[in-house]
């Protein structure tokens, strides 16, 4: 299947569960970027009241994908013992075709990822048309937060860095107050790789967050 067909079928399946959802990832980032970026995946964020893991599994299985699980420790790069024992909570399900694992696929992000529930809620009033009618898509602010969190866990994600640079260059109406609130709440600072691109006020908040983290560490060491 082509990516646009995968997106349409994924949305249809997700809607059938009557749960809050939204499109995310590269498809949405391209809407907010200065220029389009190719992507090979469909990213969906969901926030059902119950059974998120089972619903996500069922959606990917209905698409005839093999299902993999990315847990909290996998996304954060450790601790290794948790990765090996698979003891941390599932955060994302990864669907890929068995005969084409590097081809187009679907990633479903679960509400156990801290930024997801609020992003899904806000997306219900942010509808975008990807060729088959308006559907919920996460806002530019929540795309930015998703990239901040991603880079906090793995700083070498070049696509995320490039997305952020392009988004900050293109977007003039970013709700900085909301971003500051989310950064403070989730204790996530501006990734160093985009210090020259991010608004000054976000850099100041980042300094405050890092300063507070240092104070907390010193308190624990004592």
C-alpha atoms as a PDB file:
ATOM      1  CA  UNK A   1       0.000   0.000   0.000  1.00  0.00           C
ATOM      2  CA  UNK A   2       1.075   3.580  -0.628  1.00  0.00           C
ATOM      3  CA  UNK A   3       1.400   5.899   2.362  1.00  0.00           C
ATOM      4  CA  UNK A   4      -1.781   7.873   1.605  1.00  0.00           C
ATOM      5  CA  UNK A   5      -3.779   4.638   1.419  1.00  0.00           C
ATOM      6  CA  UNK A   6      -2.254   3.425   4.680  1.00  0.00           C
ATOM      7  CA  UNK A   7      -3.200   6.724   6.349  1.00  0.00           C
ATOM      8  CA  UNK A   8      -6.780   6.518   5.134  1.00  0.00           C
ATOM      9  CA  UNK A   9      -7.240   2.906   6.250  1.00  0.00           C
ATOM     10  CA  UNK A  10      -5.584   3.595   9.600  1.00  0.00           C
ATOM     11  CA  UNK A  11      -7.894   6.544  10.246  1.00  0.00           C
ATOM     12  CA  UNK A  12     -10.962   4.514   9.241  1.00  0.00           C
ATOM     13  CA  UNK A  13      -9.995   1.691  11.605  1.00  0.00           C
ATOM     14  CA  UNK A  14      -9.186   4.057  14.465  1.00  0.00           C
ATOM     15  CA  UNK A  15     -12.472   5.936  14.034  1.00  0.00           C
ATOM     16  CA  UNK A  16     -14.371   2.632  14.250  1.00  0.00           C
ATOM     17  CA  UNK A  17     -13.304   2.350  17.904  1.00  0.00           C
ATOM     18  CA  UNK A  18     -14.874   5.750  18.647  1.00  0.00           C
ATOM     19  CA  UNK A  19     -11.855   6.916  20.625  1.00  0.00           C
ATOM     20  CA  UNK A  20     -10.036  10.253  20.681  1.00  0.00           C
ATOM     21  CA  UNK A  21      -7.168  10.150  18.177  1.00  0.00           C
ATOM     22  CA  UNK A  22      -5.049  12.385  15.969  1.00  0.00           C
ATOM     23  CA  UNK A  23      -2.494  12.196  13.198  1.00  0.00           C
ATOM     24  CA  UNK A  24       1.044  13.136  14.233  1.00  0.00           C
ATOM     25  CA  UNK A  25       4.614  12.621  13.072  1.00  0.00           C
ATOM     26  CA  UNK A  26       6.207  13.622   9.791  1.00  0.00           C
ATOM     27  CA  UNK A  27       2.948  14.011   7.884  1.00  0.00           C
ATOM     28  CA  UNK A  28       1.769  16.714  10.259  1.00  0.00           C
ATOM     29  CA  UNK A  29       5.208  18.240  10.773  1.00  0.00           C
ATOM     30  CA  UNK A  30       5.366  18.903   7.023  1.00  0.00           C
ATOM     31  CA  UNK A  31       2.242  21.062   7.278  1.00  0.00           C
ATOM     32  CA  UNK A  32       4.014  23.351   9.737  1.00  0.00           C
ATOM     33  CA  UNK A  33       7.444  23.274   8.115  1.00  0.00           C
ATOM     34  CA  UNK A  34       8.792  25.852   5.702  1.00  0.00           C
ATOM     35  CA  UNK A  35       9.063  23.075   3.114  1.00  0.00           C
ATOM     36  CA  UNK A  36       7.673  19.555   2.738  1.00  0.00           C
ATOM     37  CA  UNK A  37       9.645  16.597   4.138  1.00  0.00           C
ATOM     38  CA  UNK A  38       9.175  13.041   2.909  1.00  0.00           C
ATOM     39  CA  UNK A  39       8.216  10.424   5.462  1.00  0.00           C
ATOM     40  CA  UNK A  40       7.743   6.691   5.277  1.00  0.00           C
ATOM     41  CA  UNK A  41       5.471   6.307   8.291  1.00  0.00           C
ATOM     42  CA  UNK A  42       2.026   7.172   9.512  1.00  0.00           C
ATOM     43  CA  UNK A  43       1.992   8.255  13.168  1.00  0.00           C
ATOM     44  CA  UNK A  44      -1.246   8.139  15.144  1.00  0.00           C
ATOM     45  CA  UNK A  45      -1.733   9.200  18.757  1.00  0.00           C
ATOM     46  CA  UNK A  46      -4.659   7.735  20.693  1.00  0.00           C
ATOM     47  CA  UNK A  47      -6.196   8.375  24.089  1.00  0.00           C
ATOM     48  CA  UNK A  48      -8.960   5.862  24.823  1.00  0.00           C
ATOM     49  CA  UNK A  49     -10.394   5.562  28.314  1.00  0.00           C
ATOM     50  CA  UNK A  50      -9.273   1.927  28.508  1.00  0.00           C
ATOM     51  CA  UNK A  51      -7.374  -0.790  26.639  1.00  0.00           C
ATOM     52  CA  UNK A  52      -5.074   1.455  24.610  1.00  0.00           C
ATOM     53  CA  UNK A  53      -2.537  -1.320  24.054  1.00  0.00           C
ATOM     54  CA  UNK A  54      -5.155  -3.804  22.835  1.00  0.00           C
ATOM     55  CA  UNK A  55      -6.859  -1.266  20.565  1.00  0.00           C
ATOM     56  CA  UNK A  56      -3.544  -0.286  18.985  1.00  0.00           C
ATOM     57  CA  UNK A  57      -2.649  -3.961  18.498  1.00  0.00           C
ATOM     58  CA  UNK A  58      -5.989  -4.669  16.855  1.00  0.00           C
ATOM     59  CA  UNK A  59      -5.641  -1.707  14.474  1.00  0.00           C
ATOM     60  CA  UNK A  60      -2.186  -2.750  13.316  1.00  0.00           C
ATOM     61  CA  UNK A  61      -3.239  -6.392  12.987  1.00  0.00           C
ATOM     62  CA  UNK A  62      -6.220  -5.357  10.854  1.00  0.00           C
ATOM     63  CA  UNK A  63      -3.720  -3.591   8.562  1.00  0.00           C
ATOM     64  CA  UNK A  64      -1.861  -6.918   8.247  1.00  0.00           C
ATOM     65  CA  UNK A  65       1.224  -5.537   9.944  1.00  0.00           C
ATOM     66  CA  UNK A  66       3.535  -7.352  12.287  1.00  0.00           C
ATOM     67  CA  UNK A  67       3.372  -5.616  15.648  1.00  0.00           C
ATOM     68  CA  UNK A  68       6.347  -4.539  17.732  1.00  0.00           C
ATOM     69  CA  UNK A  69       6.310  -2.793  21.102  1.00  0.00           C
ATOM     70  CA  UNK A  70       8.515   0.144  22.098  1.00  0.00           C
ATOM     71  CA  UNK A  71       8.586   0.553  25.859  1.00  0.00           C
ATOM     72  CA  UNK A  72       9.564   3.526  28.000  1.00  0.00           C
ATOM     73  CA  UNK A  73      13.130   2.280  28.486  1.00  0.00           C
ATOM     74  CA  UNK A  74      13.493   1.674  24.734  1.00  0.00           C
ATOM     75  CA  UNK A  75      12.529   5.264  23.931  1.00  0.00           C
ATOM     76  CA  UNK A  76      14.732   6.689  26.684  1.00  0.00           C
ATOM     77  CA  UNK A  77      17.726   4.534  25.859  1.00  0.00           C
ATOM     78  CA  UNK A  78      17.864   2.688  29.146  1.00  0.00           C
ATOM     79  CA  UNK A  79      18.446   1.455  31.696  1.00  0.00           C
ATOM     80  CA  UNK A  80      19.691  -1.575  29.775  1.00  0.00           C
ATOM     81  CA  UNK A  81      18.381  -4.053  32.323  1.00  0.00           C
ATOM     82  CA  UNK A  82      14.878  -2.660  31.790  1.00  0.00           C
ATOM     83  CA  UNK A  83      15.264  -2.871  28.000  1.00  0.00           C
ATOM     84  CA  UNK A  84      16.409  -6.498  28.170  1.00  0.00           C
ATOM     85  CA  UNK A  85      13.730  -7.563  30.641  1.00  0.00           C
ATOM     86  CA  UNK A  86      10.991  -5.488  28.996  1.00  0.00           C
ATOM     87  CA  UNK A  87       9.766  -4.308  32.363  1.00  0.00           C
ATOM     88  CA  UNK A  88       8.759  -0.711  31.584  1.00  0.00           C
ATOM     89  CA  UNK A  89       5.353   0.263  30.259  1.00  0.00           C
ATOM     90  CA  UNK A  90       4.524   0.162  26.522  1.00  0.00           C
ATOM     91  CA  UNK A  91       4.599   3.594  24.913  1.00  0.00           C
ATOM     92  CA  UNK A  92       4.329   2.900  21.196  1.00  0.00           C
ATOM     93  CA  UNK A  93       3.294   0.082  18.889  1.00  0.00           C
ATOM     94  CA  UNK A  94       5.176  -0.288  15.619  1.00  0.00           C
ATOM     95  CA  UNK A  95       3.463  -1.880  12.612  1.00  0.00           C
ATOM     96  CA  UNK A  96       5.428  -3.021   9.585  1.00  0.00           C
ATOM     97  CA  UNK A  97       4.794  -5.500   6.779  1.00  0.00           C
ATOM     98  CA  UNK A  98       6.513  -8.838   7.396  1.00  0.00           C
ATOM     99  CA  UNK A  99       7.785  -9.016   3.813  1.00  0.00           C
ATOM    100  CA  UNK A 100       8.843  -5.352   3.732  1.00  0.00           C
ATOM    101  CA  UNK A 101       9.978  -4.238   7.218  1.00  0.00           C
ATOM    102  CA  UNK A 102      11.632  -1.084   5.860  1.00  0.00           C
ATOM    103  CA  UNK A 103       8.604  -0.071   3.822  1.00  0.00           C
ATOM    104  CA  UNK A 104       5.718   2.207   4.809  1.00  0.00           C
ATOM    105  CA  UNK A 105       4.296   1.488   8.235  1.00  0.00           C
ATOM    106  CA  UNK A 106       2.230   2.783  11.125  1.00  0.00           C
ATOM    107  CA  UNK A 107       3.349   3.836  14.597  1.00  0.00           C
ATOM    108  CA  UNK A 108       0.654   4.226  17.254  1.00  0.00           C
ATOM    109  CA  UNK A 109       1.669   6.337  20.242  1.00  0.00           C
ATOM    110  CA  UNK A 110      -0.092   5.494  23.490  1.00  0.00           C
ATOM    111  CA  UNK A 111      -1.329   7.809  26.273  1.00  0.00           C
ATOM    112  CA  UNK A 112       1.471   6.545  28.535  1.00  0.00           C
ATOM    113  CA  UNK A 113       3.680   9.065  26.701  1.00  0.00           C
ATOM    114  CA  UNK A 114       3.191  12.191  28.864  1.00  0.00           C
ATOM    115  CA  UNK A 115       2.547  14.710  26.061  1.00  0.00           C
ATOM    116  CA  UNK A 116       0.035  12.516  24.202  1.00  0.00           C
ATOM    117  CA  UNK A 117      -3.246  12.986  26.164  1.00  0.00           C
ATOM    118  CA  UNK A 118      -3.204  16.794  25.971  1.00  0.00           C
ATOM    119  CA  UNK A 119      -2.072  16.715  22.337  1.00  0.00           C
ATOM    120  CA  UNK A 120      -4.995  14.455  21.409  1.00  0.00           C
ATOM    121  CA  UNK A 121      -7.454  16.683  23.282  1.00  0.00           C
ATOM    122  CA  UNK A 122      -6.259  19.826  21.499  1.00  0.00           C
ATOM    123  CA  UNK A 123      -6.207  18.090  18.127  1.00  0.00           C
ATOM    124  CA  UNK A 124      -9.968  17.617  18.122  1.00  0.00           C
ATOM    125  CA  UNK A 125     -10.263  21.302  17.206  1.00  0.00           C
ATOM    126  CA  UNK A 126      -7.367  21.223  14.750  1.00  0.00           C
ATOM    127  CA  UNK A 127      -8.617  19.479  11.621  1.00  0.00           C
ATOM    128  CA  UNK A 128      -6.434  18.990   8.552  1.00  0.00           C
ATOM    129  CA  UNK A 129      -7.301  17.466   5.183  1.00  0.00           C
ATOM    130  CA  UNK A 130      -4.836  14.901   3.843  1.00  0.00           C
ATOM    131  CA  UNK A 131      -6.935  14.175   0.771  1.00  0.00           C
ATOM    132  CA  UNK A 132      -9.987  12.411   2.164  1.00  0.00           C
ATOM    133  CA  UNK A 133     -11.628  14.969   4.421  1.00  0.00           C
ATOM    134  CA  UNK A 134     -10.727  16.820   7.631  1.00  0.00           C
ATOM    135  CA  UNK A 135      -9.291  14.714  10.450  1.00  0.00           C
ATOM    136  CA  UNK A 136      -7.780  15.629  13.840  1.00  0.00           C
ATOM    137  CA  UNK A 137      -4.076  16.474  13.694  1.00  0.00           C
ATOM    138  CA  UNK A 138      -1.875  17.571  16.542  1.00  0.00           C
ATOM    139  CA  UNK A 139      -1.126  21.271  16.721  1.00  0.00           C
ATOM    140  CA  UNK A 140       2.165  22.928  15.876  1.00  0.00           C
ATOM    141  CA  UNK A 141       2.845  23.401  19.597  1.00  0.00           C
ATOM    142  CA  UNK A 142       2.350  19.705  20.314  1.00  0.00           C
ATOM    143  CA  UNK A 143       4.523  18.696  17.351  1.00  0.00           C
ATOM    144  CA  UNK A 144       7.231  20.890  18.863  1.00  0.00           C
ATOM    145  CA  UNK A 145       6.790  19.278  22.287  1.00  0.00           C
ATOM    146  CA  UNK A 146       6.903  15.802  20.757  1.00  0.00           C
ATOM    147  CA  UNK A 147      10.199  16.680  19.066  1.00  0.00           C
ATOM    148  CA  UNK A 148      11.605  18.204  22.273  1.00  0.00           C
ATOM    149  CA  UNK A 149      10.832  15.016  24.188  1.00  0.00           C
ATOM    150  CA  UNK A 150      12.185  12.815  21.408  1.00  0.00           C
ATOM    151  CA  UNK A 151      15.474  14.703  21.334  1.00  0.00           C
ATOM    152  CA  UNK A 152      15.728  14.684  25.130  1.00  0.00           C
ATOM    153  CA  UNK A 153      15.691  10.881  24.891  1.00  0.00           C
ATOM    154  CA  UNK A 154      17.916  10.593  21.809  1.00  0.00           C
ATOM    155  CA  UNK A 155      19.785  13.739  20.769  1.00  0.00           C
ATOM    156  CA  UNK A 156      20.991  12.312  17.466  1.00  0.00           C
ATOM    157  CA  UNK A 157      17.623  12.265  15.720  1.00  0.00           C
ATOM    158  CA  UNK A 158      18.507  14.484  12.753  1.00  0.00           C
ATOM    159  CA  UNK A 159      14.982  14.531  11.285  1.00  0.00           C
ATOM    160  CA  UNK A 160      13.584  15.930  14.532  1.00  0.00           C
ATOM    161  CA  UNK A 161      16.252  18.631  14.607  1.00  0.00           C
ATOM    162  CA  UNK A 162      15.531  19.553  10.999  1.00  0.00           C
ATOM    163  CA  UNK A 163      11.779  19.608  11.649  1.00  0.00           C
ATOM    164  CA  UNK A 164      12.174  21.976  14.577  1.00  0.00           C
ATOM    165  CA  UNK A 165      14.451  24.336  12.671  1.00  0.00           C
ATOM    166  CA  UNK A 166      12.062  24.492   9.741  1.00  0.00           C
ATOM    167  CA  UNK A 167       8.947  24.820  11.919  1.00  0.00           C
ATOM    168  CA  UNK A 168      10.366  27.696  13.970  1.00  0.00           C
ATOM    169  CA  UNK A 169      11.429  29.406  10.751  1.00  0.00           C
ATOM    170  CA  UNK A 170       8.002  29.034   9.135  1.00  0.00           C
ATOM    171  CA  UNK A 171       5.536  29.380  12.005  1.00  0.00           C
ATOM    172  CA  UNK A 172       4.723  32.870  13.245  1.00  0.00           C
ATOM    173  CA  UNK A 173       1.718  32.087  15.439  1.00  0.00           C
ATOM    174  CA  UNK A 174       3.095  29.560  17.915  1.00  0.00           C
ATOM    175  CA  UNK A 175       1.392  29.643  21.312  1.00  0.00           C
ATOM    176  CA  UNK A 176       4.513  30.182  23.392  1.00  0.00           C
ATOM    177  CA  UNK A 177       2.555  30.377  26.646  1.00  0.00           C
ATOM    178  CA  UNK A 178       1.244  26.853  26.092  1.00  0.00           C
ATOM    179  CA  UNK A 179       4.724  25.602  25.158  1.00  0.00           C
ATOM    180  CA  UNK A 180       6.218  27.114  28.296  1.00  0.00           C
ATOM    181  CA  UNK A 181       3.552  25.436  30.395  1.00  0.00           C
ATOM    182  CA  UNK A 182       4.205  22.037  28.808  1.00  0.00           C
ATOM    183  CA  UNK A 183       7.978  22.382  29.051  1.00  0.00           C
ATOM    184  CA  UNK A 184       7.693  23.230  32.738  1.00  0.00           C
ATOM    185  CA  UNK A 185       5.166  20.488  33.434  1.00  0.00           C
ATOM    186  CA  UNK A 186       7.136  17.782  31.619  1.00  0.00           C
ATOM    187  CA  UNK A 187      10.527  19.194  32.671  1.00  0.00           C
ATOM    188  CA  UNK A 188      11.747  19.258  29.075  1.00  0.00           C
ATOM    189  CA  UNK A 189      14.141  21.916  27.797  1.00  0.00           C
ATOM    190  CA  UNK A 190      14.983  23.168  24.313  1.00  0.00           C
ATOM    191  CA  UNK A 191      17.365  20.712  22.588  1.00  0.00           C
ATOM    192  CA  UNK A 192      20.842  22.295  22.285  1.00  0.00           C
ATOM    193  CA  UNK A 193      20.902  21.611  18.538  1.00  0.00           C
ATOM    194  CA  UNK A 194      18.218  24.257  17.957  1.00  0.00           C
ATOM    195  CA  UNK A 195      19.331  26.921  20.424  1.00  0.00           C
ATOM    196  CA  UNK A 196      19.952  29.308  17.519  1.00  0.00           C
ATOM    197  CA  UNK A 197      16.463  28.715  16.108  1.00  0.00           C
ATOM    198  CA  UNK A 198      14.175  28.705  19.137  1.00  0.00           C
ATOM    199  CA  UNK A 199      12.531  31.859  20.549  1.00  0.00           C
ATOM    200  CA  UNK A 200      14.519  33.551  23.307  1.00  0.00           C
ATOM    201  CA  UNK A 201      11.770  33.092  25.870  1.00  0.00           C
ATOM    202  CA  UNK A 202      11.916  29.296  25.434  1.00  0.00           C
ATOM    203  CA  UNK A 203      15.668  29.356  25.935  1.00  0.00           C
ATOM    204  CA  UNK A 204      15.197  31.280  29.175  1.00  0.00           C
ATOM    205  CA  UNK A 205      12.648  28.744  30.398  1.00  0.00           C
ATOM    206  CA  UNK A 206      15.089  25.977  29.459  1.00  0.00           C
ATOM    207  CA  UNK A 207      17.761  27.568  31.632  1.00  0.00           C
ATOM    208  CA  UNK A 208      15.327  27.702  34.542  1.00  0.00           C
ATOM    209  CA  UNK A 209      14.391  24.029  34.068  1.00  0.00           C
ATOM    210  CA  UNK A 210      18.034  22.944  33.925  1.00  0.00           C
ATOM    211  CA  UNK A 211      18.855  25.041  36.982  1.00  0.00           C
ATOM    212  CA  UNK A 212      16.036  23.410  38.908  1.00  0.00           C
ATOM    213  CA  UNK A 213      17.238  19.960  37.814  1.00  0.00           C
ATOM    214  CA  UNK A 214      20.723  20.715  39.150  1.00  0.00           C
ATOM    215  CA  UNK A 215      19.302  21.867  42.465  1.00  0.00           C
ATOM    216  CA  UNK A 216      17.225  18.703  42.722  1.00  0.00           C
ATOM    217  CA  UNK A 217      20.267  16.509  42.016  1.00  0.00           C
ATOM    218  CA  UNK A 218      22.319  18.308  44.649  1.00  0.00           C
ATOM    219  CA  UNK A 219      19.511  17.815  47.129  1.00  0.00           C
ATOM    220  CA  UNK A 220      19.465  14.076  46.428  1.00  0.00           C
ATOM    221  CA  UNK A 221      23.263  13.789  46.715  1.00  0.00           C
ATOM    222  CA  UNK A 222      23.174  15.417  50.139  1.00  0.00           C
END
